[in-house]
N, C-alpha and C. Protein backbone atom coordinates (compact mmCIF):
# COMPACT_ATOMS: atom_id res chain seq x y z
N MET A 1 0.70 -1.38 -0.11
CA MET A 1 -0.65 -0.18 -0.02
C MET A 1 1.08 1.57 0.29
N GLU A 2 0.69 2.00 -0.10
CA GLU A 2 1.72 3.26 -0.96
C GLU A 2 1.32 4.85 -0.21
N TYR A 3 1.25 5.18 1.01
CA TYR A 3 0.43 6.08 1.99
C TYR A 3 1.17 6.97 0.92
N LEU A 4 0.14 8.19 0.85
CA LEU A 4 0.20 9.57 1.01
C LEU A 4 0.15 10.44 2.01
N SER A 5 0.95 11.54 1.28
CA SER A 5 0.39 13.05 2.46
C SER A 5 -0.15 13.37 2.35
N PHE A 6 -0.79 14.83 3.28
CA PHE A 6 -2.67 15.29 3.56
C PHE A 6 -1.26 16.15 2.52
N ASP A 7 -0.74 16.77 1.94
CA ASP A 7 -0.27 17.52 1.33
C ASP A 7 -0.37 16.74 -0.26
N GLU A 8 0.25 15.97 -0.18
CA GLU A 8 -0.19 14.78 -1.48
C GLU A 8 -1.23 15.01 -2.32
N TYR A 9 -1.79 14.81 -1.17
CA TYR A 9 -3.14 14.04 -1.66
C TYR A 9 -4.94 15.93 -1.58
N LEU A 10 -3.98 16.83 -0.96
CA LEU A 10 -4.31 17.92 -1.16
C LEU A 10 -4.33 18.46 -3.24
N THR A 11 -2.90 17.99 -3.26
CA THR A 11 -2.17 18.54 -4.60
C THR A 11 -2.76 18.18 -5.78
N ASN A 12 -2.93 17.07 -5.19
CA ASN A 12 -3.21 15.96 -6.54
C ASN A 12 -4.68 16.26 -6.24
N PHE A 13 -5.86 16.41 -5.62
CA PHE A 13 -7.15 16.94 -5.66
C PHE A 13 -8.15 17.29 -6.74
N GLY A 14 -8.90 17.26 -7.59
CA GLY A 14 -9.51 17.28 -8.63
C GLY A 14 -10.60 17.20 -8.60
N TYR A 15 -11.48 17.61 -9.99
CA TYR A 15 -12.69 16.86 -10.12
C TYR A 15 -13.40 15.78 -9.63
N ASP A 16 -12.84 14.99 -10.86
CA ASP A 16 -12.28 13.54 -10.44
C ASP A 16 -12.35 12.89 -9.42
N SER A 17 -11.54 13.59 -8.41
CA SER A 17 -10.81 13.39 -6.49
C SER A 17 -12.51 13.55 -6.11
N ARG A 18 -13.27 14.65 -6.65
CA ARG A 18 -14.53 14.40 -5.76
C ARG A 18 -16.13 13.64 -6.06
N VAL A 19 -15.29 13.38 -7.31
CA VAL A 19 -16.79 12.52 -7.89
C VAL A 19 -16.44 10.58 -6.81
N GLU A 20 -14.97 10.28 -7.52
CA GLU A 20 -14.61 9.23 -6.94
C GLU A 20 -14.67 8.88 -5.20
N MET A 21 -14.54 10.13 -4.48
CA MET A 21 -15.24 9.99 -3.06
C MET A 21 -16.40 9.28 -2.50
N LYS A 22 -17.52 9.73 -3.34
CA LYS A 22 -18.61 9.06 -2.78
C LYS A 22 -19.31 8.09 -3.51
N ILE A 23 -20.29 7.60 -3.05
CA ILE A 23 -20.98 6.32 -3.51
C ILE A 23 -22.42 6.21 -2.79
N ASN A 24 -23.23 6.36 -3.25
CA ASN A 24 -24.41 6.60 -2.68
C ASN A 24 -25.25 4.38 -2.62
N SER A 25 -26.36 5.27 -1.54
CA SER A 25 -26.44 3.56 -0.88
C SER A 25 -26.91 2.42 -2.29
N GLN A 26 -28.14 2.83 -3.51
CA GLN A 26 -28.15 2.14 -3.98
C GLN A 26 -26.60 1.12 -4.85
N LYS A 27 -25.62 1.78 -5.11
CA LYS A 27 -24.18 1.70 -5.71
C LYS A 27 -23.71 0.66 -4.72
N MET A 28 -23.72 1.12 -3.61
CA MET A 28 -23.01 0.54 -1.99
C MET A 28 -23.73 -1.32 -2.17
N LEU A 29 -25.08 -1.09 -2.14
CA LEU A 29 -25.53 -2.24 -1.68
C LEU A 29 -25.71 -2.84 -2.93
N GLU A 30 -25.54 -2.54 -4.41
CA GLU A 30 -25.47 -3.82 -4.85
C GLU A 30 -23.73 -4.31 -5.83
N MET A 31 -22.55 -3.12 -5.02
CA MET A 31 -21.19 -4.04 -4.35
C MET A 31 -21.24 -4.65 -3.41
N VAL A 32 -21.70 -4.81 -2.25
CA VAL A 32 -21.42 -5.09 -1.31
C VAL A 32 -22.43 -6.47 -1.79
N SER A 33 -23.22 -7.09 -2.39
CA SER A 33 -24.28 -8.11 -2.76
C SER A 33 -23.13 -8.96 -4.04
N LYS A 34 -21.93 -8.18 -4.08
CA LYS A 34 -21.89 -9.41 -5.27
C LYS A 34 -20.47 -9.03 -4.53
N GLY A 35 -20.02 -8.49 -3.69
CA GLY A 35 -18.67 -9.24 -2.78
C GLY A 35 -17.28 -8.41 -2.76
N GLU A 36 -17.66 -7.27 -3.36
CA GLU A 36 -16.79 -6.31 -4.00
C GLU A 36 -16.36 -5.09 -3.00
N ALA A 37 -17.01 -4.85 -1.68
CA ALA A 37 -16.53 -3.45 -1.12
C ALA A 37 -17.26 -4.18 0.29
N VAL A 38 -16.90 -3.42 1.48
CA VAL A 38 -17.09 -4.08 2.80
C VAL A 38 -17.64 -2.22 3.56
N VAL A 39 -18.35 -2.55 3.79
CA VAL A 39 -19.27 -1.36 4.96
C VAL A 39 -18.42 -1.16 6.36
N ILE A 40 -18.10 -0.33 6.64
CA ILE A 40 -17.72 0.46 7.35
C ILE A 40 -18.41 1.28 8.28
N ASP A 41 -19.02 0.86 9.07
CA ASP A 41 -19.93 1.19 10.68
C ASP A 41 -19.18 2.79 11.43
N ILE A 42 -19.03 3.95 10.93
CA ILE A 42 -17.73 4.66 12.07
C ILE A 42 -18.35 4.78 13.27
N ARG A 43 -19.26 4.49 13.96
CA ARG A 43 -20.46 5.44 14.10
C ARG A 43 -19.66 4.79 16.06
N PHE A 44 -19.61 5.47 16.68
CA PHE A 44 -19.25 5.23 18.63
C PHE A 44 -20.39 3.21 18.97
N GLU A 45 -19.28 2.78 19.20
CA GLU A 45 -20.42 1.26 19.69
C GLU A 45 -21.50 1.39 20.67
N GLU A 46 -21.64 2.21 21.32
CA GLU A 46 -23.24 2.10 21.61
C GLU A 46 -24.12 2.70 20.91
N GLU A 47 -24.37 3.70 19.96
CA GLU A 47 -24.92 4.02 18.97
C GLU A 47 -25.26 2.81 17.75
N PHE A 48 -24.07 2.07 17.77
CA PHE A 48 -23.76 1.05 16.94
C PHE A 48 -25.08 -0.08 17.63
N GLU A 49 -24.52 -0.45 18.65
CA GLU A 49 -25.46 -0.94 19.25
C GLU A 49 -26.80 -0.99 19.53
N ALA A 50 -27.13 0.45 19.06
CA ALA A 50 -28.96 0.74 19.48
C ALA A 50 -29.06 0.27 18.39
N TRP A 51 -29.01 0.51 17.23
CA TRP A 51 -29.09 -0.10 15.92
C TRP A 51 -28.45 -0.07 14.61
N HIS A 52 -28.12 -1.21 13.97
CA HIS A 52 -27.25 -0.88 12.85
C HIS A 52 -27.94 -2.04 11.79
N MET A 53 -27.18 -2.42 11.00
CA MET A 53 -27.14 -2.95 9.79
C MET A 53 -26.72 -4.19 9.98
N GLY A 54 -26.98 -5.42 9.14
CA GLY A 54 -26.52 -6.81 9.91
C GLY A 54 -24.86 -6.46 9.26
N PHE A 55 -25.01 -6.42 7.63
CA PHE A 55 -23.90 -6.74 6.71
C PHE A 55 -22.66 -5.64 7.36
N VAL A 56 -22.75 -4.50 8.17
CA VAL A 56 -22.09 -4.13 7.82
C VAL A 56 -20.74 -4.46 9.88
N LYS A 57 -20.13 -3.47 9.10
CA LYS A 57 -18.30 -3.70 10.93
C LYS A 57 -18.19 -3.00 11.85
N ASN A 58 -18.68 -2.67 12.72
CA ASN A 58 -18.61 -1.63 13.86
C ASN A 58 -17.16 -1.41 14.38
N ILE A 59 -16.18 -0.86 13.50
CA ILE A 59 -14.94 0.10 13.51
C ILE A 59 -15.00 1.54 13.91
N PRO A 60 -15.53 1.95 15.04
CA PRO A 60 -15.63 3.11 15.81
C PRO A 60 -14.55 4.44 14.82
N LEU A 61 -14.85 5.73 14.83
CA LEU A 61 -13.60 6.57 14.51
C LEU A 61 -12.63 6.53 15.04
N ASN A 62 -12.76 7.15 16.23
CA ASN A 62 -11.49 6.81 17.37
C ASN A 62 -10.82 5.71 17.35
N GLN A 63 -11.04 4.80 16.51
CA GLN A 63 -10.69 2.94 17.26
C GLN A 63 -9.73 2.59 15.59
N LEU A 64 -10.47 3.42 14.21
CA LEU A 64 -9.76 3.56 13.40
C LEU A 64 -8.43 3.01 13.07
N PRO A 65 -7.47 4.20 13.71
CA PRO A 65 -6.02 4.03 12.97
C PRO A 65 -5.45 2.89 13.79
N LYS A 66 -6.18 2.00 15.07
CA LYS A 66 -5.35 0.92 15.54
C LYS A 66 -5.93 -0.40 14.92
N ARG A 67 -6.98 -0.59 13.65
CA ARG A 67 -7.48 -1.32 13.60
C ARG A 67 -7.59 -1.49 12.20
N LEU A 68 -6.37 -1.23 11.80
CA LEU A 68 -6.32 -1.17 10.36
C LEU A 68 -6.13 -2.80 10.04
N ASN A 69 -5.66 -3.46 10.62
CA ASN A 69 -5.51 -5.07 10.50
C ASN A 69 -6.64 -5.40 9.29
N GLU A 70 -8.55 -5.13 10.36
CA GLU A 70 -9.45 -6.26 9.88
C GLU A 70 -9.84 -5.28 8.74
N LEU A 71 -8.97 -5.05 7.81
CA LEU A 71 -9.77 -4.29 6.50
C LEU A 71 -9.11 -5.36 5.40
N PRO A 72 -9.55 -4.88 4.57
CA PRO A 72 -9.01 -6.10 3.58
C PRO A 72 -8.34 -4.81 2.30
N LYS A 73 -7.65 -5.93 1.87
CA LYS A 73 -6.62 -4.51 1.05
C LYS A 73 -6.82 -4.84 -0.34
N ASP A 74 -8.86 -6.09 -1.01
CA ASP A 74 -8.56 -6.29 -1.91
C ASP A 74 -9.92 -6.21 -2.36
N LYS A 75 -10.49 -4.95 -1.27
CA LYS A 75 -11.79 -4.49 -1.30
C LYS A 75 -11.86 -3.14 -1.60
N LEU A 76 -13.06 -2.23 -1.83
CA LEU A 76 -13.92 -1.21 -1.63
C LEU A 76 -13.67 -1.51 -0.22
N ILE A 77 -13.42 -0.30 0.15
CA ILE A 77 -13.82 -0.26 2.16
C ILE A 77 -14.65 1.64 1.84
N ILE A 78 -16.04 1.02 2.33
CA ILE A 78 -16.95 1.90 2.35
C ILE A 78 -17.20 2.28 3.48
N THR A 79 -17.35 3.75 3.60
CA THR A 79 -17.93 4.00 5.52
C THR A 79 -18.60 5.02 5.71
N ALA A 80 -19.16 4.53 7.03
CA ALA A 80 -20.55 5.16 6.30
C ALA A 80 -20.60 5.93 7.85
N CYS A 81 -22.12 6.62 8.32
CA CYS A 81 -22.35 6.62 9.13
C CYS A 81 -23.96 7.24 9.21
N PRO A 82 -25.13 7.66 10.06
CA PRO A 82 -25.88 8.21 9.69
C PRO A 82 -26.00 8.87 8.26
N HIS A 83 -25.49 10.57 8.81
CA HIS A 83 -24.90 11.25 7.62
C HIS A 83 -24.05 11.17 6.37
N ASN A 84 -23.53 12.20 7.03
CA ASN A 84 -21.83 10.92 6.30
C ASN A 84 -20.14 12.21 6.83
N ASP A 85 -21.37 13.26 7.68
CA ASP A 85 -19.54 13.58 8.44
C ASP A 85 -18.95 12.95 8.76
N ARG A 86 -19.18 12.22 9.66
CA ARG A 86 -17.92 11.37 10.29
C ARG A 86 -16.90 10.33 9.38
N ALA A 87 -17.84 9.92 8.24
CA ALA A 87 -17.88 8.27 7.56
C ALA A 87 -16.45 9.87 6.43
N ASN A 88 -16.48 10.58 6.13
CA ASN A 88 -15.79 11.17 4.74
C ASN A 88 -14.67 11.54 5.57
N MET A 89 -14.72 11.75 6.50
CA MET A 89 -13.40 11.48 8.29
C MET A 89 -12.83 10.25 7.90
N ALA A 90 -13.59 9.51 7.72
CA ALA A 90 -12.69 7.99 7.58
C ALA A 90 -11.90 8.00 6.77
N ARG A 91 -12.61 8.13 6.09
CA ARG A 91 -12.74 7.45 3.89
C ARG A 91 -11.15 8.34 3.91
N MET A 92 -11.16 9.83 4.49
CA MET A 92 -9.52 10.94 4.00
C MET A 92 -8.95 9.75 4.82
N PHE A 93 -9.03 9.63 5.84
CA PHE A 93 -8.12 8.58 6.65
C PHE A 93 -7.40 7.83 5.88
N LEU A 94 -8.54 6.67 5.87
CA LEU A 94 -8.16 5.56 4.97
C LEU A 94 -7.49 5.58 3.59
N THR A 95 -7.95 6.92 2.69
CA THR A 95 -6.95 6.64 1.80
C THR A 95 -5.58 7.84 1.65
N LEU A 96 -5.46 7.53 3.30
CA LEU A 96 -3.99 8.06 3.01
C LEU A 96 -2.97 7.65 3.71
N LYS A 97 -3.87 6.45 4.36
CA LYS A 97 -2.96 4.90 4.11
C LYS A 97 -3.29 3.90 3.28
N GLY A 98 -3.75 4.43 2.19
CA GLY A 98 -3.99 3.60 1.32
C GLY A 98 -5.01 2.45 0.70
N PHE A 99 -5.87 2.53 1.29
CA PHE A 99 -6.84 1.89 1.15
C PHE A 99 -7.14 2.68 0.03
N LYS A 100 -8.57 1.89 -0.96
CA LYS A 100 -9.19 2.21 -1.36
C LYS A 100 -10.47 2.08 -0.85
N ALA A 101 -11.05 3.62 -0.91
CA ALA A 101 -12.01 3.63 0.24
C ALA A 101 -12.89 5.62 -0.89
N LYS A 102 -14.61 4.96 -0.12
CA LYS A 102 -15.44 6.11 -0.63
C LYS A 102 -15.98 6.01 0.72
N TYR A 103 -17.21 7.00 0.40
CA TYR A 103 -17.88 7.36 1.61
C TYR A 103 -19.34 7.04 1.26
N LEU A 104 -20.14 6.97 1.79
CA LEU A 104 -21.78 7.42 1.65
C LEU A 104 -22.24 8.06 1.59
N ASN A 105 -22.37 8.99 1.09
CA ASN A 105 -22.80 10.21 0.56
C ASN A 105 -24.83 10.09 1.29
N ASP A 106 -25.48 9.45 1.02
CA ASP A 106 -26.38 9.43 1.20
C ASP A 106 -26.90 9.36 3.16
N GLY A 107 -26.04 8.58 3.69
CA GLY A 107 -25.90 8.16 5.20
C GLY A 107 -26.67 6.89 4.86
N LEU A 108 -26.16 6.88 6.11
CA LEU A 108 -27.13 4.56 6.72
C LEU A 108 -28.22 4.92 6.33
N LEU A 109 -28.66 6.43 7.26
CA LEU A 109 -30.58 6.46 6.74
C LEU A 109 -31.10 5.79 6.03
N HIS A 110 -30.72 6.33 4.95
CA HIS A 110 -31.25 6.78 3.85
C HIS A 110 -31.34 5.24 3.36
N THR A 111 -30.68 4.33 3.35
CA THR A 111 -29.64 2.84 3.35
C THR A 111 -30.91 2.04 3.70
N ALA A 112 -31.42 2.22 5.25
CA ALA A 112 -32.21 2.24 5.72
C ALA A 112 -34.00 2.50 5.58
N ASP A 113 -33.90 3.50 5.23
CA ASP A 113 -34.86 4.07 4.51
C ASP A 113 -35.18 3.02 3.12
N ILE A 114 -34.34 2.87 2.61
CA ILE A 114 -34.26 1.71 1.22
C ILE A 114 -34.24 -0.24 1.19
N LEU A 115 -33.73 -0.85 2.33
CA LEU A 115 -33.70 -1.74 2.90
C LEU A 115 -35.19 -2.26 3.40
N ARG A 116 -36.16 -2.11 2.83
CA ARG A 116 -37.67 -1.89 3.93
C ARG A 116 -37.71 -3.56 2.35
N GLY A 117 -39.22 -4.32 3.47
CA GLY A 117 -39.31 -5.26 2.98
C GLY A 117 -39.15 -5.96 1.78
N ASP A 118 -39.55 -6.24 0.21
CA ASP A 118 -39.50 -6.46 -0.37
C ASP A 118 -37.77 -6.26 -1.02
N ASN A 119 -37.41 -4.87 -0.64
CA ASN A 119 -35.81 -4.67 -1.09
C ASN A 119 -34.73 -5.56 -0.19
N ALA A 120 -35.57 -5.56 1.70
CA ALA A 120 -34.17 -6.15 1.94
C ALA A 120 -34.57 -7.63 1.77
N LYS A 121 -35.16 -8.18 2.02
CA LYS A 121 -35.20 -9.73 0.86
C LYS A 121 -34.28 -9.85 -0.60
N ASP A 122 -34.52 -9.11 -1.68
CA ASP A 122 -33.49 -8.89 -2.55
C ASP A 122 -32.56 -9.00 -2.36
N PHE A 123 -32.03 -8.53 -1.21
CA PHE A 123 -30.34 -7.72 -1.19
C PHE A 123 -29.88 -8.81 -0.55
N ILE A 124 -30.74 -9.11 0.40
CA ILE A 124 -29.95 -11.03 0.95
C ILE A 124 -30.19 -11.88 0.60
N ASN A 125 -30.54 -12.13 -0.59
CA ASN A 125 -31.06 -13.42 -1.23
C ASN A 125 -29.50 -13.22 -2.05
N LYS A 126 -29.75 -11.57 -2.96
CA LYS A 126 -28.57 -11.35 -4.38
C LYS A 126 -26.90 -11.98 -2.84
N LYS A 127 -27.18 -11.27 -1.74
CA LYS A 127 -25.50 -11.40 -0.85
C LYS A 127 -25.55 -13.03 -1.03
N LYS A 128 -27.24 -13.39 -0.94
CA LYS A 128 -26.03 -14.85 -0.32
C LYS A 128 -25.71 -15.50 -2.09
N GLU A 129 -26.67 -15.68 -2.88
CA GLU A 129 -26.32 -15.91 -4.56
C GLU A 129 -24.88 -15.82 -4.62
N ASN A 130 -24.44 -14.51 -4.32
CA ASN A 130 -22.94 -14.62 -5.32
C ASN A 130 -21.88 -14.39 -3.68
N LYS A 131 -22.05 -15.15 -2.94
CA LYS A 131 -21.48 -16.03 -1.83
C LYS A 131 -21.09 -17.02 -2.02
N ASN A 132 -22.14 -17.82 -2.84
CA ASN A 132 -22.72 -19.74 -2.71
C ASN A 132 -21.90 -19.73 -4.54
N GLY A 133 -22.58 -18.58 -5.52
CA GLY A 133 -22.62 -18.91 -6.64
C GLY A 133 -20.55 -18.93 -7.27
């Protein structure tokens, strides 16, 4: 993995970078169901315990520096929180550490709104098919 300094990151930041750093819930769910990405919920443990999605891993933002070894290096890491403020901070940190990372720009609350009823069932079934297929 190639580490970037913050200066290098900012110097090379352009319009393409602005697009590449974000992902929406629909695309995230598609990539997760195909096994191409993992979602890291960076909320505090108590927030995660109160409510969470079964397909995400909780690594609180303040624990992220010490838990990098838990992240796959061969998949896209999608950082998430209810909106996107902490997720964007986590994405930038991971990018500087050499990970391929995006933040969920419409947040977990929007994802929860999408994953209701048949949509939840379809997502889980696609995830199982891709895992077994």
